[in-house]
Amino acid sequence: MKFLTDPTFLLFLTLAFYSLGIFLTSKKKWIVFNPIILSTTILICYLLILKIPYEKYSIAGHYIDFFLKPSIVALAVPLYLQWDKIKKQLFAILCSQLLGCIVGVVSVVFLAKWTGADKEIILSLAPKSVSTPIALEISNTVNGIPSITAASVMIAGIFGSMIGFKFLNMSRISNPMSQGIAMGTSSHALGTMKAMEISNKYGAFASVGMIFNGILTAFLAPIILTWLDSYL
């Protein structure tokens, strides 16, 4: 049946599976019901079973991509509402973001090297904690592999959104600003989305972490990797 491979139908399936994940997550707090993991797994199986090439599915994905930029811009609304609080802590936020950027890049470099990864793989993993468009540009700049970078960004986002708040609560970090910024810094858009589920306040602080970490990583990642080149 031709309609099963139609881009419009594939777009419907994507939204339906994601909605299913949200529904199941609200009923059962199980990691396997994470909307992104669930929808991605089912869609991969669907494409493999029907032998639908990714190029055809990407046509449906373009509709989703179209709304990504407006959705990121929309984060400015809760950010504006919390601006007075953010402004008072701006210096502390900048210091934490600088440290978060450096730790995010250096830690994955050392971990990847310790596990025996090749230099090209290490360079590809370095920008894992920023949103995909920024990460891909960094990857191209440092001669990484964009496809590996995209996958690492997705894994970092999914993993962070699943356990980020649990880890922060276990560490007794309960301040909304601290938790939100930590989520945005480590897990970019997916962490911000998870924070937004809690409240607009958490989402605003998470967007601060995502924005500042993205800017700092774009500037500092190539410099840090140059300094670590002899180690790689």
C-alpha atoms as a PDB file:
ATOM      1  CA  MET A   1       0.000   0.000   0.000  1.00  0.00           C
ATOM      2  CA  LYS A   2       1.581   3.164  -1.262  1.00  0.00           C
ATOM      3  CA  PHE A   3       0.167   5.447   1.426  1.00  0.00           C
ATOM      4  CA  LEU A   4       2.289   3.639   4.063  1.00  0.00           C
ATOM      5  CA  THR A   5       5.399   5.218   2.541  1.00  0.00           C
ATOM      6  CA  ASP A   6       3.899   8.617   1.810  1.00  0.00           C
ATOM      7  CA  PRO A   7       5.828  11.467   3.545  1.00  0.00           C
ATOM      8  CA  THR A   8       2.614  12.921   4.966  1.00  0.00           C
ATOM      9  CA  PHE A   9       1.722   9.577   6.527  1.00  0.00           C
ATOM     10  CA  LEU A  10       5.271   9.217   7.861  1.00  0.00           C
ATOM     11  CA  LEU A  11       4.932  12.639   9.469  1.00  0.00           C
ATOM     12  CA  PHE A  12       1.662  11.517  11.061  1.00  0.00           C
ATOM     13  CA  LEU A  13       3.353   8.368  12.402  1.00  0.00           C
ATOM     14  CA  THR A  14       6.196  10.415  13.869  1.00  0.00           C
ATOM     15  CA  LEU A  15       3.801  12.666  15.776  1.00  0.00           C
ATOM     16  CA  ALA A  16       1.583   9.726  16.762  1.00  0.00           C
ATOM     17  CA  PHE A  17       4.439   7.654  18.181  1.00  0.00           C
ATOM     18  CA  TYR A  18       5.816  10.654  20.055  1.00  0.00           C
ATOM     19  CA  SER A  19       2.371  11.367  21.508  1.00  0.00           C
ATOM     20  CA  LEU A  20       2.120   7.707  22.501  1.00  0.00           C
ATOM     21  CA  GLY A  21       5.407   8.037  24.361  1.00  0.00           C
ATOM     22  CA  ILE A  22       4.140  11.114  26.230  1.00  0.00           C
ATOM     23  CA  PHE A  23       0.939   9.278  27.172  1.00  0.00           C
ATOM     24  CA  LEU A  24       2.760   6.162  28.391  1.00  0.00           C
ATOM     25  CA  THR A  25       5.274   8.254  30.328  1.00  0.00           C
ATOM     26  CA  SER A  26       2.417  10.003  32.143  1.00  0.00           C
ATOM     27  CA  LYS A  27       0.996   6.595  33.118  1.00  0.00           C
ATOM     28  CA  LYS A  28       4.193   4.647  33.763  1.00  0.00           C
ATOM     29  CA  LYS A  29       7.404   6.420  34.743  1.00  0.00           C
ATOM     30  CA  TRP A  30       9.571   3.938  32.854  1.00  0.00           C
ATOM     31  CA  ILE A  31      12.690   4.973  30.946  1.00  0.00           C
ATOM     32  CA  VAL A  32      11.731   2.822  27.946  1.00  0.00           C
ATOM     33  CA  PHE A  33       8.638   4.978  27.480  1.00  0.00           C
ATOM     34  CA  ASN A  34      10.697   8.113  26.939  1.00  0.00           C
ATOM     35  CA  PRO A  35       8.904   9.748  23.960  1.00  0.00           C
ATOM     36  CA  ILE A  36      12.098  10.216  21.932  1.00  0.00           C
ATOM     37  CA  ILE A  37      13.445   6.708  22.545  1.00  0.00           C
ATOM     38  CA  LEU A  38      10.068   5.079  21.905  1.00  0.00           C
ATOM     39  CA  SER A  39       9.196   7.007  18.745  1.00  0.00           C
ATOM     40  CA  THR A  40      12.720   6.655  17.303  1.00  0.00           C
ATOM     41  CA  THR A  41      12.838   2.887  17.943  1.00  0.00           C
ATOM     42  CA  ILE A  42       9.419   2.221  16.438  1.00  0.00           C
ATOM     43  CA  LEU A  43      10.127   4.433  13.416  1.00  0.00           C
ATOM     44  CA  ILE A  44      13.457   2.692  12.726  1.00  0.00           C
ATOM     45  CA  CYS A  45      11.717  -0.704  12.841  1.00  0.00           C
ATOM     46  CA  TYR A  46       8.930   0.605  10.579  1.00  0.00           C
ATOM     47  CA  LEU A  47      11.390   1.942   7.987  1.00  0.00           C
ATOM     48  CA  LEU A  48      13.442  -1.278   8.043  1.00  0.00           C
ATOM     49  CA  ILE A  49      10.437  -3.595   7.719  1.00  0.00           C
ATOM     50  CA  LEU A  50       8.952  -1.668   4.785  1.00  0.00           C
ATOM     51  CA  LYS A  51      12.430  -0.937   3.345  1.00  0.00           C
ATOM     52  CA  ILE A  52      11.766   2.791   3.202  1.00  0.00           C
ATOM     53  CA  PRO A  53      14.971   4.750   2.493  1.00  0.00           C
ATOM     54  CA  TYR A  54      15.894   7.465   4.959  1.00  0.00           C
ATOM     55  CA  GLU A  55      15.912  10.017   2.104  1.00  0.00           C
ATOM     56  CA  LYS A  56      12.173   9.490   1.737  1.00  0.00           C
ATOM     57  CA  TYR A  57      11.520   9.817   5.447  1.00  0.00           C
ATOM     58  CA  SER A  58      13.632  12.993   5.564  1.00  0.00           C
ATOM     59  CA  ILE A  59      11.030  14.653   3.336  1.00  0.00           C
ATOM     60  CA  ALA A  60       8.569  14.254   6.203  1.00  0.00           C
ATOM     61  CA  GLY A  61      11.251  15.430   8.622  1.00  0.00           C
ATOM     62  CA  HIS A  62      11.554  18.739   6.792  1.00  0.00           C
ATOM     63  CA  TYR A  63       8.111  19.708   8.090  1.00  0.00           C
ATOM     64  CA  ILE A  64       9.328  19.191  11.661  1.00  0.00           C
ATOM     65  CA  ASP A  65      12.619  20.982  10.962  1.00  0.00           C
ATOM     66  CA  PHE A  66      10.633  23.996   9.790  1.00  0.00           C
ATOM     67  CA  PHE A  67       9.212  24.504  13.294  1.00  0.00           C
ATOM     68  CA  LEU A  68      12.495  23.972  15.164  1.00  0.00           C
ATOM     69  CA  LYS A  69      13.766  27.531  14.776  1.00  0.00           C
ATOM     70  CA  PRO A  70      10.487  29.192  15.854  1.00  0.00           C
ATOM     71  CA  SER A  71      10.299  26.827  18.839  1.00  0.00           C
ATOM     72  CA  ILE A  72      13.815  27.830  19.969  1.00  0.00           C
ATOM     73  CA  VAL A  73      12.927  31.513  19.579  1.00  0.00           C
ATOM     74  CA  ALA A  74       9.801  30.898  21.686  1.00  0.00           C
ATOM     75  CA  LEU A  75      12.079  30.063  24.617  1.00  0.00           C
ATOM     76  CA  ALA A  76      12.751  33.803  24.835  1.00  0.00           C
ATOM     77  CA  VAL A  77       9.314  34.279  26.425  1.00  0.00           C
ATOM     78  CA  PRO A  78       9.965  32.436  29.741  1.00  0.00           C
ATOM     79  CA  LEU A  79      13.522  33.776  29.607  1.00  0.00           C
ATOM     80  CA  TYR A  80      12.150  37.336  29.534  1.00  0.00           C
ATOM     81  CA  LEU A  81       9.762  36.592  32.398  1.00  0.00           C
ATOM     82  CA  GLN A  82      12.653  35.444  34.601  1.00  0.00           C
ATOM     83  CA  TRP A  83      15.129  38.073  33.395  1.00  0.00           C
ATOM     84  CA  ASP A  84      15.213  40.054  36.665  1.00  0.00           C
ATOM     85  CA  LYS A  85      16.376  36.984  38.598  1.00  0.00           C
ATOM     86  CA  ILE A  86      18.844  36.005  35.889  1.00  0.00           C
ATOM     87  CA  LYS A  87      20.311  39.516  35.730  1.00  0.00           C
ATOM     88  CA  LYS A  88      21.058  39.501  39.471  1.00  0.00           C
ATOM     89  CA  GLN A  89      23.025  36.255  39.116  1.00  0.00           C
ATOM     90  CA  LEU A  90      24.576  37.000  35.719  1.00  0.00           C
ATOM     91  CA  PHE A  91      28.226  36.887  36.843  1.00  0.00           C
ATOM     92  CA  ALA A  92      27.735  33.572  38.670  1.00  0.00           C
ATOM     93  CA  ILE A  93      25.899  32.179  35.647  1.00  0.00           C
ATOM     94  CA  LEU A  94      28.696  33.192  33.267  1.00  0.00           C
ATOM     95  CA  CYS A  95      31.339  31.618  35.530  1.00  0.00           C
ATOM     96  CA  SER A  96      29.357  28.387  35.826  1.00  0.00           C
ATOM     97  CA  GLN A  97      28.802  28.288  32.070  1.00  0.00           C
ATOM     98  CA  LEU A  98      32.481  28.786  31.359  1.00  0.00           C
ATOM     99  CA  LEU A  99      33.351  25.946  33.712  1.00  0.00           C
ATOM    100  CA  GLY A 100      30.559  23.778  32.315  1.00  0.00           C
ATOM    101  CA  CYS A 101      31.778  24.336  28.760  1.00  0.00           C
ATOM    102  CA  ILE A 102      35.369  23.408  29.594  1.00  0.00           C
ATOM    103  CA  VAL A 103      34.403  20.346  31.652  1.00  0.00           C
ATOM    104  CA  GLY A 104      31.925  19.205  28.987  1.00  0.00           C
ATOM    105  CA  VAL A 105      34.573  19.209  26.248  1.00  0.00           C
ATOM    106  CA  VAL A 106      37.594  18.030  28.258  1.00  0.00           C
ATOM    107  CA  SER A 107      35.776  15.209  30.065  1.00  0.00           C
ATOM    108  CA  VAL A 108      34.499  13.567  26.885  1.00  0.00           C
ATOM    109  CA  VAL A 109      37.938  13.901  25.258  1.00  0.00           C
ATOM    110  CA  PHE A 110      39.675  12.119  28.132  1.00  0.00           C
ATOM    111  CA  LEU A 111      36.938   9.502  28.463  1.00  0.00           C
ATOM    112  CA  ALA A 112      36.967   8.725  24.736  1.00  0.00           C
ATOM    113  CA  LYS A 113      40.759   8.564  24.694  1.00  0.00           C
ATOM    114  CA  TRP A 114      40.751   6.294  27.753  1.00  0.00           C
ATOM    115  CA  THR A 115      38.373   3.875  25.991  1.00  0.00           C
ATOM    116  CA  GLY A 116      40.638   3.763  22.927  1.00  0.00           C
ATOM    117  CA  ALA A 117      38.730   5.967  20.483  1.00  0.00           C
ATOM    118  CA  ASP A 118      40.531   7.306  17.419  1.00  0.00           C
ATOM    119  CA  LYS A 119      41.327  11.015  17.130  1.00  0.00           C
ATOM    120  CA  GLU A 120      38.615  11.594  14.516  1.00  0.00           C
ATOM    121  CA  ILE A 121      36.009  10.022  16.793  1.00  0.00           C
ATOM    122  CA  ILE A 122      37.160  12.079  19.779  1.00  0.00           C
ATOM    123  CA  LEU A 123      36.890  15.302  17.759  1.00  0.00           C
ATOM    124  CA  SER A 124      33.393  14.286  16.706  1.00  0.00           C
ATOM    125  CA  LEU A 125      32.268  13.675  20.299  1.00  0.00           C
ATOM    126  CA  ALA A 126      33.681  16.882  21.786  1.00  0.00           C
ATOM    127  CA  PRO A 127      30.664  19.164  21.034  1.00  0.00           C
ATOM    128  CA  LYS A 128      28.067  16.663  22.303  1.00  0.00           C
ATOM    129  CA  SER A 129      26.496  19.006  24.873  1.00  0.00           C
ATOM    130  CA  VAL A 130      25.237  21.728  22.518  1.00  0.00           C
ATOM    131  CA  SER A 131      22.311  21.758  20.104  1.00  0.00           C
ATOM    132  CA  THR A 132      22.756  19.935  16.800  1.00  0.00           C
ATOM    133  CA  PRO A 133      23.256  22.927  14.429  1.00  0.00           C
ATOM    134  CA  ILE A 134      26.059  24.351  16.598  1.00  0.00           C
ATOM    135  CA  ALA A 135      27.591  20.923  17.215  1.00  0.00           C
ATOM    136  CA  LEU A 136      27.729  20.135  13.493  1.00  0.00           C
ATOM    137  CA  GLU A 137      29.469  23.430  12.727  1.00  0.00           C
ATOM    138  CA  ILE A 138      32.035  22.740  15.451  1.00  0.00           C
ATOM    139  CA  SER A 139      32.526  19.209  14.141  1.00  0.00           C
ATOM    140  CA  ASN A 140      33.211  20.496  10.633  1.00  0.00           C
ATOM    141  CA  THR A 141      35.640  23.094  12.009  1.00  0.00           C
ATOM    142  CA  VAL A 142      37.732  20.526  13.909  1.00  0.00           C
ATOM    143  CA  ASN A 143      37.532  17.890  11.128  1.00  0.00           C
ATOM    144  CA  GLY A 144      35.195  15.588  12.985  1.00  0.00           C
ATOM    145  CA  ILE A 145      32.529  13.269  11.527  1.00  0.00           C
ATOM    146  CA  PRO A 146      29.174  15.113  11.469  1.00  0.00           C
ATOM    147  CA  SER A 147      27.039  11.946  11.600  1.00  0.00           C
ATOM    148  CA  ILE A 148      28.799  10.773  14.773  1.00  0.00           C
ATOM    149  CA  THR A 149      28.468  14.257  16.249  1.00  0.00           C
ATOM    150  CA  ALA A 150      24.726  14.292  15.542  1.00  0.00           C
ATOM    151  CA  ALA A 151      24.310  10.880  17.182  1.00  0.00           C
ATOM    152  CA  SER A 152      26.318  11.911  20.259  1.00  0.00           C
ATOM    153  CA  VAL A 153      24.262  15.088  20.646  1.00  0.00           C
ATOM    154  CA  MET A 154      21.066  13.038  20.525  1.00  0.00           C
ATOM    155  CA  ILE A 155      22.369  10.511  23.064  1.00  0.00           C
ATOM    156  CA  ALA A 156      23.522  13.259  25.439  1.00  0.00           C
ATOM    157  CA  GLY A 157      20.127  14.938  25.201  1.00  0.00           C
ATOM    158  CA  ILE A 158      18.107  11.760  25.713  1.00  0.00           C
ATOM    159  CA  PHE A 159      20.293  10.480  28.554  1.00  0.00           C
ATOM    160  CA  GLY A 160      20.244  13.857  30.304  1.00  0.00           C
ATOM    161  CA  SER A 161      16.506  14.298  29.972  1.00  0.00           C
ATOM    162  CA  MET A 162      15.934  10.835  31.443  1.00  0.00           C
ATOM    163  CA  ILE A 163      18.189  10.969  34.507  1.00  0.00           C
ATOM    164  CA  GLY A 164      19.270  14.612  34.833  1.00  0.00           C
ATOM    165  CA  PHE A 165      16.747  15.738  37.422  1.00  0.00           C
ATOM    166  CA  LYS A 166      16.995  12.430  39.308  1.00  0.00           C
ATOM    167  CA  PHE A 167      20.760  12.889  39.608  1.00  0.00           C
ATOM    168  CA  LEU A 168      20.422  16.524  40.683  1.00  0.00           C
ATOM    169  CA  ASN A 169      17.866  15.609  43.345  1.00  0.00           C
ATOM    170  CA  MET A 170      20.122  12.815  44.637  1.00  0.00           C
ATOM    171  CA  SER A 171      22.960  15.321  44.914  1.00  0.00           C
ATOM    172  CA  ARG A 172      20.648  17.593  46.933  1.00  0.00           C
ATOM    173  CA  ILE A 173      20.822  20.394  44.404  1.00  0.00           C
ATOM    174  CA  SER A 174      17.272  21.698  44.660  1.00  0.00           C
ATOM    175  CA  ASN A 175      17.470  25.330  43.561  1.00  0.00           C
ATOM    176  CA  PRO A 176      15.359  25.790  40.382  1.00  0.00           C
ATOM    177  CA  MET A 177      17.966  28.052  38.778  1.00  0.00           C
ATOM    178  CA  SER A 178      20.799  25.612  39.463  1.00  0.00           C
ATOM    179  CA  GLN A 179      18.833  22.601  38.241  1.00  0.00           C
ATOM    180  CA  GLY A 180      17.517  24.353  35.152  1.00  0.00           C
ATOM    181  CA  ILE A 181      20.887  25.749  34.084  1.00  0.00           C
ATOM    182  CA  ALA A 182      22.561  22.379  34.668  1.00  0.00           C
ATOM    183  CA  MET A 183      20.009  20.646  32.452  1.00  0.00           C
ATOM    184  CA  GLY A 184      20.332  23.178  29.650  1.00  0.00           C
ATOM    185  CA  THR A 185      24.124  23.115  29.814  1.00  0.00           C
ATOM    186  CA  SER A 186      24.498  19.346  29.726  1.00  0.00           C
ATOM    187  CA  SER A 187      21.519  18.262  27.628  1.00  0.00           C
ATOM    188  CA  HIS A 188      20.751  21.277  25.380  1.00  0.00           C
ATOM    189  CA  ALA A 189      17.251  21.367  23.833  1.00  0.00           C
ATOM    190  CA  LEU A 190      16.052  18.025  25.208  1.00  0.00           C
ATOM    191  CA  GLY A 191      17.120  18.978  28.710  1.00  0.00           C
ATOM    192  CA  THR A 192      15.360  22.314  28.278  1.00  0.00           C
ATOM    193  CA  MET A 193      12.227  20.547  27.075  1.00  0.00           C
ATOM    194  CA  LYS A 194      12.288  18.314  30.163  1.00  0.00           C
ATOM    195  CA  ALA A 195      12.748  21.373  32.386  1.00  0.00           C
ATOM    196  CA  MET A 196       9.822  23.075  30.658  1.00  0.00           C
ATOM    197  CA  GLU A 197       7.617  20.124  31.630  1.00  0.00           C
ATOM    198  CA  ILE A 198       8.200  21.014  35.280  1.00  0.00           C
ATOM    199  CA  SER A 199       7.510  24.741  34.945  1.00  0.00           C
ATOM    200  CA  ASN A 200       8.251  27.813  32.851  1.00  0.00           C
ATOM    201  CA  LYS A 201      10.721  28.919  35.539  1.00  0.00           C
ATOM    202  CA  TYR A 202      12.811  25.764  35.139  1.00  0.00           C
ATOM    203  CA  GLY A 203      12.511  26.051  31.365  1.00  0.00           C
ATOM    204  CA  ALA A 204      13.727  29.647  31.386  1.00  0.00           C
ATOM    205  CA  PHE A 205      16.817  28.785  33.409  1.00  0.00           C
ATOM    206  CA  ALA A 206      17.483  25.734  31.236  1.00  0.00           C
ATOM    207  CA  SER A 207      17.328  27.906  28.127  1.00  0.00           C
ATOM    208  CA  VAL A 208      19.964  30.172  29.711  1.00  0.00           C
ATOM    209  CA  GLY A 209      22.254  27.158  30.123  1.00  0.00           C
ATOM    210  CA  MET A 210      21.612  25.966  26.592  1.00  0.00           C
ATOM    211  CA  ILE A 211      22.233  29.386  25.025  1.00  0.00           C
ATOM    212  CA  PHE A 212      25.359  30.328  26.965  1.00  0.00           C
ATOM    213  CA  ASN A 213      26.891  26.860  26.672  1.00  0.00           C
ATOM    214  CA  GLY A 214      26.215  26.843  22.940  1.00  0.00           C
ATOM    215  CA  ILE A 215      27.926  30.210  22.440  1.00  0.00           C
ATOM    216  CA  LEU A 216      30.914  29.402  24.660  1.00  0.00           C
ATOM    217  CA  THR A 217      31.402  25.931  23.179  1.00  0.00           C
ATOM    218  CA  ALA A 218      31.305  27.317  19.642  1.00  0.00           C
ATOM    219  CA  PHE A 219      34.175  29.671  20.516  1.00  0.00           C
ATOM    220  CA  LEU A 220      36.180  27.581  22.973  1.00  0.00           C
ATOM    221  CA  ALA A 221      35.869  23.971  21.742  1.00  0.00           C
ATOM    222  CA  PRO A 222      38.263  24.438  18.768  1.00  0.00           C
ATOM    223  CA  ILE A 223      40.751  26.221  21.062  1.00  0.00           C
ATOM    224  CA  ILE A 224      40.555  23.534  23.765  1.00  0.00           C
ATOM    225  CA  LEU A 225      40.970  20.767  21.188  1.00  0.00           C
ATOM    226  CA  THR A 226      43.991  22.545  19.748  1.00  0.00           C
ATOM    227  CA  TRP A 227      45.576  22.653  23.213  1.00  0.00           C
ATOM    228  CA  LEU A 228      44.838  18.952  23.676  1.00  0.00           C
ATOM    229  CA  ASP A 229      46.065  17.990  20.210  1.00  0.00           C
ATOM    230  CA  SER A 230      49.317  16.446  21.496  1.00  0.00           C
ATOM    231  CA  TYR A 231      47.264  14.240  23.861  1.00  0.00           C
ATOM    232  CA  LEU A 232      45.001  13.089  21.050  1.00  0.00           C
END
